[in-house]
Amino acid sequence: MRRAPPTRAATRLRAAPSGGGPTPARGLPQVPSASRRVPTTRPYVPRDDADRLYNSHLSRQNHLPAQPPTRPGNRRAIRMIKLRTYIYIDSLQPQLAEYMATVSQGFLPIPGDACLWVEVSPGMAIHRLTDMALKATRVHLAQQVVERAFGSMVIHQRDQSDVLEAGRIVLENLGAAQDDRQKCRVAWKEIIRAMTPDHTVLINRQNRRGSMILPGQSMFILETEPAGYIVYAANQAEKAANITIIDVRAVGAFGRLTLSGTEADVDEAGAAAVRAVENLSGQERPVISHH
């Protein structure tokens, strides 16, 4: 038996009481109607510009502090950190930059980069300072070393202002100034002339990352405390004369520098290296024994 066709009343649509459009009459399946949203167009603003505009607006309303508030417990812990080395280098020289790239485990520096070397005690405290510097600026982390008693970090960036700002933030959170660092002490300095073949071969076979020293050249060696100052000495030596960097050890209790060249160049570079570290400001602290 054939079914009767639906009546006209059953198929008639009634207006929705909410004004959302027509809906089927009672007795038929309810089909949700599409939402009638008015499309809005917003001007495209680059993310960096938008963030800068938003932050500047909040700063004007005094809703955005310069730094996140530090908890009292964390503030006391930061005050316990002792600043050993704080060295800013405006422009890494080619040999030193390439040497640092061979030992760095992070972002590799290139010649001309500005660089900041920070060393503190206790060693694990360097993680907090690294976090502050990386979050506040565009610097790159080249190296971070946590030793038994000390911790150090090396950050760099092409723009000197970023490195300087990172250093300012680190010092501000430490509640310290640059002059609160430990004063550099020259533990040993010497020039050896007319190197013998046996001596140069032994130096070249050691675990060095720089160039080779040749028989007949002069060699300058320098040892400093704390270790991080040796990087500044190496950079100033390379600026002063045409020398060859053999080795730069900036980790541990003492820093060690080895470079070679002609007698005149080694004399000039050695004098510039010693003069650079001896003129650095700092606080006198107890001397660490080699034994």
Foldseek 3Di string as FASTA:
>chain_A
DDDDDDDPVQQDWDADPVNQGIFHDPPDDTDDDDGDDDDDDDDDDDPVRVVVVVVVVCVVVVNDDPDPDDDPVVLVVLLPKAWADWDKDQWFAAQLQVLLQVVWPWDRGHTGKIKIKTKIWPAVCVVVLVVQLVVPAPWTWGHWDHDPTMIMTMIIDNDSVSVVVSVVRSQVSSVHDNLAHEAKDWPDKDKDFQAAPVVQVVLVPDPARWDGDDGGKMKIKTKMAPLQLQSVLVRQLVVFAPKGWTHWARDDGMIMTMIIDHPVSCVRSRVRSVVVRNPDHYDHDDDDDPD
